[in-house]
């Protein structure tokens, strides 16, 4: 049962999602309550019922978290499209807009990041407004799946998700994806950097953003690993920040804990405390 003082995180599970337990654990360790919701797609009735139920959960939640995986086998024609279609359903779309209007937060990791970008929620929080010029996530330059620990550097703190970090801080993060290359035009990339929307970049041993394949394993433009929306409430990233734990990695040095989860929970608890004070 949820403690009324705990932020509630809704974690939809789509066909192919496989990081939901890790993501739920990370939020629970940070002090949140979680609910894993299985999206059923066996037939039209199940899909419609799932949309109605998911919409109701989002309306009750403080955070919508889209975990990693391979939704529908990354088909048709690219990753995250099944989830993106669900997000752009009118009922779900309305619930998401309501969530953001009441200072709720949204997170997408790996497959979840792909869905946020392909739904239009990132980078500019314009759902359904995806054009041929919009950023996307594409096959890794090496044309195969990559699974390793890689360094990323904090490039912005303009978000509740990033509040405890410092620009230039380096984390060692697990990655595991086949379509993680962030593709963006020079013009839109300039906007993202000017608006402080680039959250994390792949970096070298000195903490400098790098296009070298040794440090930028998917070939992302401008070494971008994660971005936020203009309001900072939406974060999408390829690296699996939820894959953390004492003694989980051996012979990996540096900071292996990127606690975006605690940052989000702390922000929401502060919001709730301020709201209670105003009512007193």
C-alpha atoms as a PDB file:
ATOM      1  CA  UNK A   1       0.000   0.000   0.000  1.00  0.00           C
ATOM      2  CA  UNK A   2       1.300   3.445  -0.908  1.00  0.00           C
ATOM      3  CA  UNK A   3       2.245   5.816   1.893  1.00  0.00           C
ATOM      4  CA  UNK A   4       0.395   9.055   1.089  1.00  0.00           C
ATOM      5  CA  UNK A   5       3.619  11.001   1.609  1.00  0.00           C
ATOM      6  CA  UNK A   6       5.483   8.955  -1.001  1.00  0.00           C
ATOM      7  CA  UNK A   7       5.531  10.002  -4.640  1.00  0.00           C
ATOM      8  CA  UNK A   8       3.853   7.386  -6.838  1.00  0.00           C
ATOM      9  CA  UNK A   9       5.679   6.106  -9.916  1.00  0.00           C
ATOM     10  CA  UNK A  10       3.729   4.335 -12.668  1.00  0.00           C
ATOM     11  CA  UNK A  11       5.881   1.979 -14.776  1.00  0.00           C
ATOM     12  CA  UNK A  12       4.067   0.694 -17.872  1.00  0.00           C
ATOM     13  CA  UNK A  13       5.382  -2.618 -19.184  1.00  0.00           C
ATOM     14  CA  UNK A  14       5.034  -3.087 -22.934  1.00  0.00           C
ATOM     15  CA  UNK A  15       5.792  -6.232 -24.971  1.00  0.00           C
ATOM     16  CA  UNK A  16       9.597  -6.467 -24.758  1.00  0.00           C
ATOM     17  CA  UNK A  17      10.161  -4.211 -21.731  1.00  0.00           C
ATOM     18  CA  UNK A  18      12.797  -5.876 -19.549  1.00  0.00           C
ATOM     19  CA  UNK A  19      14.146  -3.260 -17.118  1.00  0.00           C
ATOM     20  CA  UNK A  20      10.998  -2.602 -15.098  1.00  0.00           C
ATOM     21  CA  UNK A  21      12.068  -4.447 -11.918  1.00  0.00           C
ATOM     22  CA  UNK A  22      15.423  -2.635 -11.800  1.00  0.00           C
ATOM     23  CA  UNK A  23      13.752   0.735 -12.395  1.00  0.00           C
ATOM     24  CA  UNK A  24      11.107   0.074  -9.737  1.00  0.00           C
ATOM     25  CA  UNK A  25      13.790  -0.931  -7.228  1.00  0.00           C
ATOM     26  CA  UNK A  26      15.786   2.249  -7.918  1.00  0.00           C
ATOM     27  CA  UNK A  27      12.741   4.426  -7.272  1.00  0.00           C
ATOM     28  CA  UNK A  28      11.764   2.465  -4.151  1.00  0.00           C
ATOM     29  CA  UNK A  29      15.282   2.794  -2.738  1.00  0.00           C
ATOM     30  CA  UNK A  30      14.915   6.556  -3.284  1.00  0.00           C
ATOM     31  CA  UNK A  31      11.708   6.588  -1.221  1.00  0.00           C
ATOM     32  CA  UNK A  32       8.987   6.360  -3.863  1.00  0.00           C
ATOM     33  CA  UNK A  33       6.084   3.956  -4.209  1.00  0.00           C
ATOM     34  CA  UNK A  34       5.846   2.137  -7.540  1.00  0.00           C
ATOM     35  CA  UNK A  35       3.202   0.367  -9.584  1.00  0.00           C
ATOM     36  CA  UNK A  36       4.131  -1.817 -12.556  1.00  0.00           C
ATOM     37  CA  UNK A  37       1.317  -1.859 -15.102  1.00  0.00           C
ATOM     38  CA  UNK A  38       1.328  -4.518 -17.827  1.00  0.00           C
ATOM     39  CA  UNK A  39      -0.003  -3.176 -21.128  1.00  0.00           C
ATOM     40  CA  UNK A  40      -1.996  -5.989 -22.729  1.00  0.00           C
ATOM     41  CA  UNK A  41      -2.064  -6.251 -26.521  1.00  0.00           C
ATOM     42  CA  UNK A  42      -3.612  -9.662 -27.259  1.00  0.00           C
ATOM     43  CA  UNK A  43      -6.567  -8.125 -29.066  1.00  0.00           C
ATOM     44  CA  UNK A  44      -8.321  -4.811 -29.673  1.00  0.00           C
ATOM     45  CA  UNK A  45     -10.396  -5.068 -26.496  1.00  0.00           C
ATOM     46  CA  UNK A  46      -7.306  -5.687 -24.353  1.00  0.00           C
ATOM     47  CA  UNK A  47      -5.520  -2.734 -25.945  1.00  0.00           C
ATOM     48  CA  UNK A  48      -8.451  -0.382 -25.377  1.00  0.00           C
ATOM     49  CA  UNK A  49      -8.861  -1.561 -21.770  1.00  0.00           C
ATOM     50  CA  UNK A  50      -5.129  -1.107 -21.161  1.00  0.00           C
ATOM     51  CA  UNK A  51      -5.242   2.440 -22.511  1.00  0.00           C
ATOM     52  CA  UNK A  52      -8.125   3.319 -20.196  1.00  0.00           C
ATOM     53  CA  UNK A  53      -6.421   1.766 -17.165  1.00  0.00           C
ATOM     54  CA  UNK A  54      -3.019   3.308 -17.925  1.00  0.00           C
ATOM     55  CA  UNK A  55      -4.605   6.735 -18.327  1.00  0.00           C
ATOM     56  CA  UNK A  56      -6.199   6.393 -14.883  1.00  0.00           C
ATOM     57  CA  UNK A  57      -2.869   5.385 -13.325  1.00  0.00           C
ATOM     58  CA  UNK A  58      -1.049   8.348 -14.891  1.00  0.00           C
ATOM     59  CA  UNK A  59      -3.691  10.671 -13.451  1.00  0.00           C
ATOM     60  CA  UNK A  60      -2.903   9.309  -9.960  1.00  0.00           C
ATOM     61  CA  UNK A  61       0.874   9.235 -10.392  1.00  0.00           C
ATOM     62  CA  UNK A  62       3.627  11.760  -9.724  1.00  0.00           C
ATOM     63  CA  UNK A  63       6.091  10.150 -12.142  1.00  0.00           C
ATOM     64  CA  UNK A  64       5.653   8.282 -15.417  1.00  0.00           C
ATOM     65  CA  UNK A  65       8.703   6.087 -16.015  1.00  0.00           C
ATOM     66  CA  UNK A  66       9.339   4.250 -19.281  1.00  0.00           C
ATOM     67  CA  UNK A  67      11.871   1.479 -18.719  1.00  0.00           C
ATOM     68  CA  UNK A  68      14.335  -0.046 -21.143  1.00  0.00           C
ATOM     69  CA  UNK A  69      13.805  -3.078 -23.349  1.00  0.00           C
ATOM     70  CA  UNK A  70      12.817  -3.854 -26.912  1.00  0.00           C
ATOM     71  CA  UNK A  71       9.166  -2.949 -27.352  1.00  0.00           C
ATOM     72  CA  UNK A  72       7.599  -5.153 -30.034  1.00  0.00           C
ATOM     73  CA  UNK A  73      11.060  -6.279 -31.084  1.00  0.00           C
ATOM     74  CA  UNK A  74      11.892  -2.695 -32.134  1.00  0.00           C
ATOM     75  CA  UNK A  75       9.415  -3.001 -34.980  1.00  0.00           C
ATOM     76  CA  UNK A  76       7.861  -1.701 -37.135  1.00  0.00           C
ATOM     77  CA  UNK A  77      10.853  -0.016 -38.698  1.00  0.00           C
ATOM     78  CA  UNK A  78      12.652   1.172 -35.609  1.00  0.00           C
ATOM     79  CA  UNK A  79      12.661   1.225 -31.837  1.00  0.00           C
ATOM     80  CA  UNK A  80      10.114   2.716 -29.457  1.00  0.00           C
ATOM     81  CA  UNK A  81       7.342   3.211 -32.000  1.00  0.00           C
ATOM     82  CA  UNK A  82       4.803   0.975 -30.273  1.00  0.00           C
ATOM     83  CA  UNK A  83       5.184   2.916 -27.018  1.00  0.00           C
ATOM     84  CA  UNK A  84       5.151   6.241 -28.906  1.00  0.00           C
ATOM     85  CA  UNK A  85       1.813   5.310 -30.484  1.00  0.00           C
ATOM     86  CA  UNK A  86       0.364   4.565 -27.053  1.00  0.00           C
ATOM     87  CA  UNK A  87       1.660   7.862 -25.654  1.00  0.00           C
ATOM     88  CA  UNK A  88      -0.015   9.760 -28.487  1.00  0.00           C
ATOM     89  CA  UNK A  89      -3.397   8.125 -27.914  1.00  0.00           C
ATOM     90  CA  UNK A  90      -5.780  10.978 -27.075  1.00  0.00           C
ATOM     91  CA  UNK A  91      -6.675   9.603 -23.633  1.00  0.00           C
ATOM     92  CA  UNK A  92      -3.059   8.953 -22.639  1.00  0.00           C
ATOM     93  CA  UNK A  93      -1.950  12.255 -24.135  1.00  0.00           C
ATOM     94  CA  UNK A  94      -4.467  14.170 -22.015  1.00  0.00           C
ATOM     95  CA  UNK A  95      -3.322  12.361 -18.856  1.00  0.00           C
ATOM     96  CA  UNK A  96       0.335  13.136 -19.621  1.00  0.00           C
ATOM     97  CA  UNK A  97      -0.422  16.811 -20.187  1.00  0.00           C
ATOM     98  CA  UNK A  98      -2.266  16.863 -16.852  1.00  0.00           C
ATOM     99  CA  UNK A  99       0.687  15.160 -15.147  1.00  0.00           C
ATOM    100  CA  UNK A 100       3.068  17.843 -16.409  1.00  0.00           C
ATOM    101  CA  UNK A 101       0.682  20.676 -15.517  1.00  0.00           C
ATOM    102  CA  UNK A 102       0.714  19.564 -11.857  1.00  0.00           C
ATOM    103  CA  UNK A 103       4.529  19.431 -11.779  1.00  0.00           C
ATOM    104  CA  UNK A 104       4.762  15.674 -12.320  1.00  0.00           C
ATOM    105  CA  UNK A 105       7.837  14.162 -13.938  1.00  0.00           C
ATOM    106  CA  UNK A 106       8.552  11.818 -16.854  1.00  0.00           C
ATOM    107  CA  UNK A 107      11.570   9.555 -17.350  1.00  0.00           C
ATOM    108  CA  UNK A 108      12.548   7.411 -20.311  1.00  0.00           C
ATOM    109  CA  UNK A 109      15.608   5.161 -20.245  1.00  0.00           C
ATOM    110  CA  UNK A 110      16.932   3.384 -23.361  1.00  0.00           C
ATOM    111  CA  UNK A 111      13.771   2.066 -25.092  1.00  0.00           C
ATOM    112  CA  UNK A 112      11.837   4.611 -23.013  1.00  0.00           C
ATOM    113  CA  UNK A 113      14.082   7.392 -24.308  1.00  0.00           C
ATOM    114  CA  UNK A 114      13.463   6.226 -27.868  1.00  0.00           C
ATOM    115  CA  UNK A 115       9.710   6.379 -27.235  1.00  0.00           C
ATOM    116  CA  UNK A 116       9.870   9.883 -25.746  1.00  0.00           C
ATOM    117  CA  UNK A 117      11.770  11.166 -28.776  1.00  0.00           C
ATOM    118  CA  UNK A 118       9.527   9.433 -31.304  1.00  0.00           C
ATOM    119  CA  UNK A 119       6.363  10.600 -29.549  1.00  0.00           C
ATOM    120  CA  UNK A 120       7.452  14.248 -29.626  1.00  0.00           C
ATOM    121  CA  UNK A 121       7.697  14.549 -25.817  1.00  0.00           C
ATOM    122  CA  UNK A 122      11.401  15.157 -26.327  1.00  0.00           C
ATOM    123  CA  UNK A 123      13.063  17.418 -27.005  1.00  0.00           C
ATOM    124  CA  UNK A 124      10.355  20.109 -27.003  1.00  0.00           C
ATOM    125  CA  UNK A 125       7.377  18.492 -25.184  1.00  0.00           C
ATOM    126  CA  UNK A 126       5.226  18.679 -28.332  1.00  0.00           C
ATOM    127  CA  UNK A 127       3.419  15.353 -28.513  1.00  0.00           C
ATOM    128  CA  UNK A 128       2.685  14.098 -32.005  1.00  0.00           C
ATOM    129  CA  UNK A 129       4.640  16.908 -33.657  1.00  0.00           C
ATOM    130  CA  UNK A 130       7.413  14.815 -35.178  1.00  0.00           C
ATOM    131  CA  UNK A 131       8.785  15.876 -38.558  1.00  0.00           C
ATOM    132  CA  UNK A 132      11.609  14.617 -40.807  1.00  0.00           C
ATOM    133  CA  UNK A 133      13.771  17.315 -39.173  1.00  0.00           C
ATOM    134  CA  UNK A 134      13.091  16.117 -35.624  1.00  0.00           C
ATOM    135  CA  UNK A 135      15.894  14.400 -33.676  1.00  0.00           C
ATOM    136  CA  UNK A 136      15.729  10.615 -33.571  1.00  0.00           C
ATOM    137  CA  UNK A 137      17.589   7.564 -32.325  1.00  0.00           C
ATOM    138  CA  UNK A 138      19.164   5.349 -34.961  1.00  0.00           C
ATOM    139  CA  UNK A 139      21.293   2.220 -35.323  1.00  0.00           C
ATOM    140  CA  UNK A 140      24.689   2.370 -33.649  1.00  0.00           C
ATOM    141  CA  UNK A 141      27.544   3.278 -35.977  1.00  0.00           C
ATOM    142  CA  UNK A 142      29.067  -0.171 -35.416  1.00  0.00           C
ATOM    143  CA  UNK A 143      25.773  -1.667 -36.719  1.00  0.00           C
ATOM    144  CA  UNK A 144      25.446  -4.044 -33.776  1.00  0.00           C
ATOM    145  CA  UNK A 145      24.250  -4.118 -30.202  1.00  0.00           C
ATOM    146  CA  UNK A 146      26.666  -2.632 -27.637  1.00  0.00           C
ATOM    147  CA  UNK A 147      26.746  -3.617 -23.972  1.00  0.00           C
ATOM    148  CA  UNK A 148      29.389  -2.070 -21.748  1.00  0.00           C
ATOM    149  CA  UNK A 149      30.196   0.482 -19.068  1.00  0.00           C
ATOM    150  CA  UNK A 150      30.804   3.937 -20.473  1.00  0.00           C
ATOM    151  CA  UNK A 151      31.595   7.381 -19.096  1.00  0.00           C
ATOM    152  CA  UNK A 152      29.136  10.253 -19.321  1.00  0.00           C
ATOM    153  CA  UNK A 153      29.543  13.845 -18.174  1.00  0.00           C
ATOM    154  CA  UNK A 154      26.838  16.106 -16.754  1.00  0.00           C
ATOM    155  CA  UNK A 155      26.194  18.951 -19.195  1.00  0.00           C
ATOM    156  CA  UNK A 156      23.224  20.644 -17.480  1.00  0.00           C
ATOM    157  CA  UNK A 157      21.517  20.776 -14.095  1.00  0.00           C
ATOM    158  CA  UNK A 158      18.409  22.541 -15.421  1.00  0.00           C
ATOM    159  CA  UNK A 159      16.009  19.828 -14.235  1.00  0.00           C
ATOM    160  CA  UNK A 160      14.667  18.219 -11.058  1.00  0.00           C
ATOM    161  CA  UNK A 161      16.214  14.987 -12.330  1.00  0.00           C
ATOM    162  CA  UNK A 162      19.680  16.605 -12.311  1.00  0.00           C
ATOM    163  CA  UNK A 163      19.459  18.810  -9.226  1.00  0.00           C
ATOM    164  CA  UNK A 164      22.194  17.199  -7.102  1.00  0.00           C
ATOM    165  CA  UNK A 165      24.783  17.083  -9.884  1.00  0.00           C
ATOM    166  CA  UNK A 166      27.414  19.558 -10.974  1.00  0.00           C
ATOM    167  CA  UNK A 167      28.220  20.382 -14.582  1.00  0.00           C
ATOM    168  CA  UNK A 168      31.357  18.427 -15.439  1.00  0.00           C
ATOM    169  CA  UNK A 169      30.592  15.578 -13.023  1.00  0.00           C
ATOM    170  CA  UNK A 170      31.418  12.180 -14.551  1.00  0.00           C
ATOM    171  CA  UNK A 171      29.534   8.917 -14.039  1.00  0.00           C
ATOM    172  CA  UNK A 172      30.269   5.352 -15.114  1.00  0.00           C
ATOM    173  CA  UNK A 173      27.010   4.078 -16.630  1.00  0.00           C
ATOM    174  CA  UNK A 174      25.902   0.743 -18.112  1.00  0.00           C
ATOM    175  CA  UNK A 175      24.615   0.857 -21.684  1.00  0.00           C
ATOM    176  CA  UNK A 176      22.903  -1.897 -23.666  1.00  0.00           C
ATOM    177  CA  UNK A 177      21.283  -1.019 -26.987  1.00  0.00           C
ATOM    178  CA  UNK A 178      21.346  -1.506 -30.733  1.00  0.00           C
ATOM    179  CA  UNK A 179      19.706   1.802 -31.691  1.00  0.00           C
ATOM    180  CA  UNK A 180      21.201   4.421 -29.396  1.00  0.00           C
ATOM    181  CA  UNK A 181      22.731   6.907 -31.813  1.00  0.00           C
ATOM    182  CA  UNK A 182      21.160  10.311 -31.126  1.00  0.00           C
ATOM    183  CA  UNK A 183      20.816  11.986 -34.509  1.00  0.00           C
ATOM    184  CA  UNK A 184      20.172  15.724 -34.563  1.00  0.00           C
ATOM    185  CA  UNK A 185      20.771  18.603 -36.981  1.00  0.00           C
ATOM    186  CA  UNK A 186      23.296  21.328 -36.188  1.00  0.00           C
ATOM    187  CA  UNK A 187      20.447  23.839 -35.928  1.00  0.00           C
ATOM    188  CA  UNK A 188      18.415  21.889 -33.361  1.00  0.00           C
ATOM    189  CA  UNK A 189      21.564  20.849 -31.480  1.00  0.00           C
ATOM    190  CA  UNK A 190      22.439  24.534 -31.112  1.00  0.00           C
ATOM    191  CA  UNK A 191      18.972  25.133 -29.604  1.00  0.00           C
ATOM    192  CA  UNK A 192      19.401  22.243 -27.186  1.00  0.00           C
ATOM    193  CA  UNK A 193      22.753  23.479 -25.948  1.00  0.00           C
ATOM    194  CA  UNK A 194      21.614  27.101 -25.707  1.00  0.00           C
ATOM    195  CA  UNK A 195      18.506  26.029 -23.739  1.00  0.00           C
ATOM    196  CA  UNK A 196      20.632  23.805 -21.449  1.00  0.00           C
ATOM    197  CA  UNK A 197      18.630  20.779 -22.594  1.00  0.00           C
ATOM    198  CA  UNK A 198      21.607  18.469 -23.119  1.00  0.00           C
ATOM    199  CA  UNK A 199      21.693  16.554 -19.841  1.00  0.00           C
ATOM    200  CA  UNK A 200      24.573  14.130 -20.398  1.00  0.00           C
ATOM    201  CA  UNK A 201      27.283  13.524 -23.017  1.00  0.00           C
ATOM    202  CA  UNK A 202      29.586  10.593 -23.650  1.00  0.00           C
ATOM    203  CA  UNK A 203      33.066  11.630 -22.561  1.00  0.00           C
ATOM    204  CA  UNK A 204      36.706  10.606 -22.467  1.00  0.00           C
ATOM    205  CA  UNK A 205      38.878   9.906 -19.436  1.00  0.00           C
ATOM    206  CA  UNK A 206      39.286  13.642 -18.831  1.00  0.00           C
ATOM    207  CA  UNK A 207      35.533  14.255 -18.787  1.00  0.00           C
ATOM    208  CA  UNK A 208      35.508  15.964 -22.180  1.00  0.00           C
ATOM    209  CA  UNK A 209      32.633  15.142 -24.592  1.00  0.00           C
ATOM    210  CA  UNK A 210      34.017  12.800 -27.221  1.00  0.00           C
ATOM    211  CA  UNK A 211      33.133  11.497 -30.669  1.00  0.00           C
ATOM    212  CA  UNK A 212      35.828   8.821 -30.466  1.00  0.00           C
ATOM    213  CA  UNK A 213      34.166   5.369 -30.767  1.00  0.00           C
ATOM    214  CA  UNK A 214      36.122   4.270 -27.697  1.00  0.00           C
ATOM    215  CA  UNK A 215      34.116   6.745 -25.627  1.00  0.00           C
ATOM    216  CA  UNK A 216      31.018   7.373 -27.786  1.00  0.00           C
ATOM    217  CA  UNK A 217      29.979   3.766 -28.484  1.00  0.00           C
ATOM    218  CA  UNK A 218      26.974   4.485 -30.696  1.00  0.00           C
ATOM    219  CA  UNK A 219      28.250   7.539 -32.589  1.00  0.00           C
ATOM    220  CA  UNK A 220      25.706  10.004 -31.167  1.00  0.00           C
ATOM    221  CA  UNK A 221      25.868  13.474 -32.680  1.00  0.00           C
ATOM    222  CA  UNK A 222      27.635  15.920 -30.378  1.00  0.00           C
ATOM    223  CA  UNK A 223      28.199  12.933 -28.032  1.00  0.00           C
ATOM    224  CA  UNK A 224      24.681  13.413 -26.630  1.00  0.00           C
ATOM    225  CA  UNK A 225      23.582  10.629 -24.268  1.00  0.00           C
ATOM    226  CA  UNK A 226      20.560  12.264 -22.635  1.00  0.00           C
ATOM    227  CA  UNK A 227      18.348  15.331 -22.990  1.00  0.00           C
ATOM    228  CA  UNK A 228      15.626  17.136 -21.040  1.00  0.00           C
ATOM    229  CA  UNK A 229      12.549  19.088 -22.084  1.00  0.00           C
ATOM    230  CA  UNK A 230      12.581  22.921 -21.910  1.00  0.00           C
ATOM    231  CA  UNK A 231      10.733  22.775 -18.569  1.00  0.00           C
ATOM    232  CA  UNK A 232      13.164  20.166 -17.219  1.00  0.00           C
ATOM    233  CA  UNK A 233      10.379  17.831 -16.114  1.00  0.00           C
ATOM    234  CA  UNK A 234      11.081  15.224 -18.823  1.00  0.00           C
ATOM    235  CA  UNK A 235      14.391  13.356 -18.976  1.00  0.00           C
ATOM    236  CA  UNK A 236      15.389  10.820 -21.593  1.00  0.00           C
ATOM    237  CA  UNK A 237      18.710   8.975 -21.670  1.00  0.00           C
ATOM    238  CA  UNK A 238      20.269   5.855 -23.167  1.00  0.00           C
ATOM    239  CA  UNK A 239      22.412   4.835 -20.192  1.00  0.00           C
ATOM    240  CA  UNK A 240      20.882   2.534 -17.575  1.00  0.00           C
ATOM    241  CA  UNK A 241      21.142   4.618 -14.413  1.00  0.00           C
ATOM    242  CA  UNK A 242      18.881   2.066 -12.682  1.00  0.00           C
ATOM    243  CA  UNK A 243      21.552  -0.624 -12.941  1.00  0.00           C
ATOM    244  CA  UNK A 244      23.300   0.335  -9.739  1.00  0.00           C
ATOM    245  CA  UNK A 245      24.088  -1.392  -6.486  1.00  0.00           C
ATOM    246  CA  UNK A 246      26.876  -2.112  -4.056  1.00  0.00           C
ATOM    247  CA  UNK A 247      29.415  -4.590  -5.455  1.00  0.00           C
ATOM    248  CA  UNK A 248      27.454  -4.881  -8.695  1.00  0.00           C
ATOM    249  CA  UNK A 249      30.509  -4.064 -10.830  1.00  0.00           C
ATOM    250  CA  UNK A 250      34.048  -5.313 -10.318  1.00  0.00           C
ATOM    251  CA  UNK A 251      37.206  -3.559 -11.518  1.00  0.00           C
ATOM    252  CA  UNK A 252      35.161  -0.538 -12.634  1.00  0.00           C
ATOM    253  CA  UNK A 253      36.453   2.643 -11.066  1.00  0.00           C
ATOM    254  CA  UNK A 254      34.846   6.040 -10.653  1.00  0.00           C
ATOM    255  CA  UNK A 255      31.352   7.164  -9.700  1.00  0.00           C
ATOM    256  CA  UNK A 256      28.912   4.372 -10.592  1.00  0.00           C
ATOM    257  CA  UNK A 257      25.847   5.909  -8.916  1.00  0.00           C
ATOM    258  CA  UNK A 258      23.895   8.439 -10.966  1.00  0.00           C
ATOM    259  CA  UNK A 259      20.932   8.913  -8.657  1.00  0.00           C
ATOM    260  CA  UNK A 260      18.411  10.682 -10.855  1.00  0.00           C
ATOM    261  CA  UNK A 261      15.766   8.748  -8.896  1.00  0.00           C
ATOM    262  CA  UNK A 262      16.592  10.334  -5.541  1.00  0.00           C
ATOM    263  CA  UNK A 263      16.732  13.761  -7.192  1.00  0.00           C
ATOM    264  CA  UNK A 264      13.217  13.303  -8.561  1.00  0.00           C
ATOM    265  CA  UNK A 265      11.778  12.001  -5.281  1.00  0.00           C
ATOM    266  CA  UNK A 266      13.405  14.834  -3.300  1.00  0.00           C
ATOM    267  CA  UNK A 267      11.917  17.388  -5.694  1.00  0.00           C
ATOM    268  CA  UNK A 268       8.417  15.915  -5.418  1.00  0.00           C
ATOM    269  CA  UNK A 269       8.616  15.663  -1.624  1.00  0.00           C
ATOM    270  CA  UNK A 270       9.578  19.332  -1.493  1.00  0.00           C
ATOM    271  CA  UNK A 271       6.648  20.197  -3.771  1.00  0.00           C
ATOM    272  CA  UNK A 272       4.268  18.265  -1.521  1.00  0.00           C
ATOM    273  CA  UNK A 273       5.643  19.928   1.616  1.00  0.00           C
ATOM    274  CA  UNK A 274       5.233  23.404   0.137  1.00  0.00           C
ATOM    275  CA  UNK A 275       1.687  22.552  -0.949  1.00  0.00           C
ATOM    276  CA  UNK A 276       0.802  21.439   2.588  1.00  0.00           C
ATOM    277  CA  UNK A 277       2.214  24.663   4.039  1.00  0.00           C
ATOM    278  CA  UNK A 278       0.093  26.754   1.696  1.00  0.00           C
ATOM    279  CA  UNK A 279      -3.041  24.896   2.811  1.00  0.00           C
ATOM    280  CA  UNK A 280      -2.327  25.395   6.517  1.00  0.00           C
END
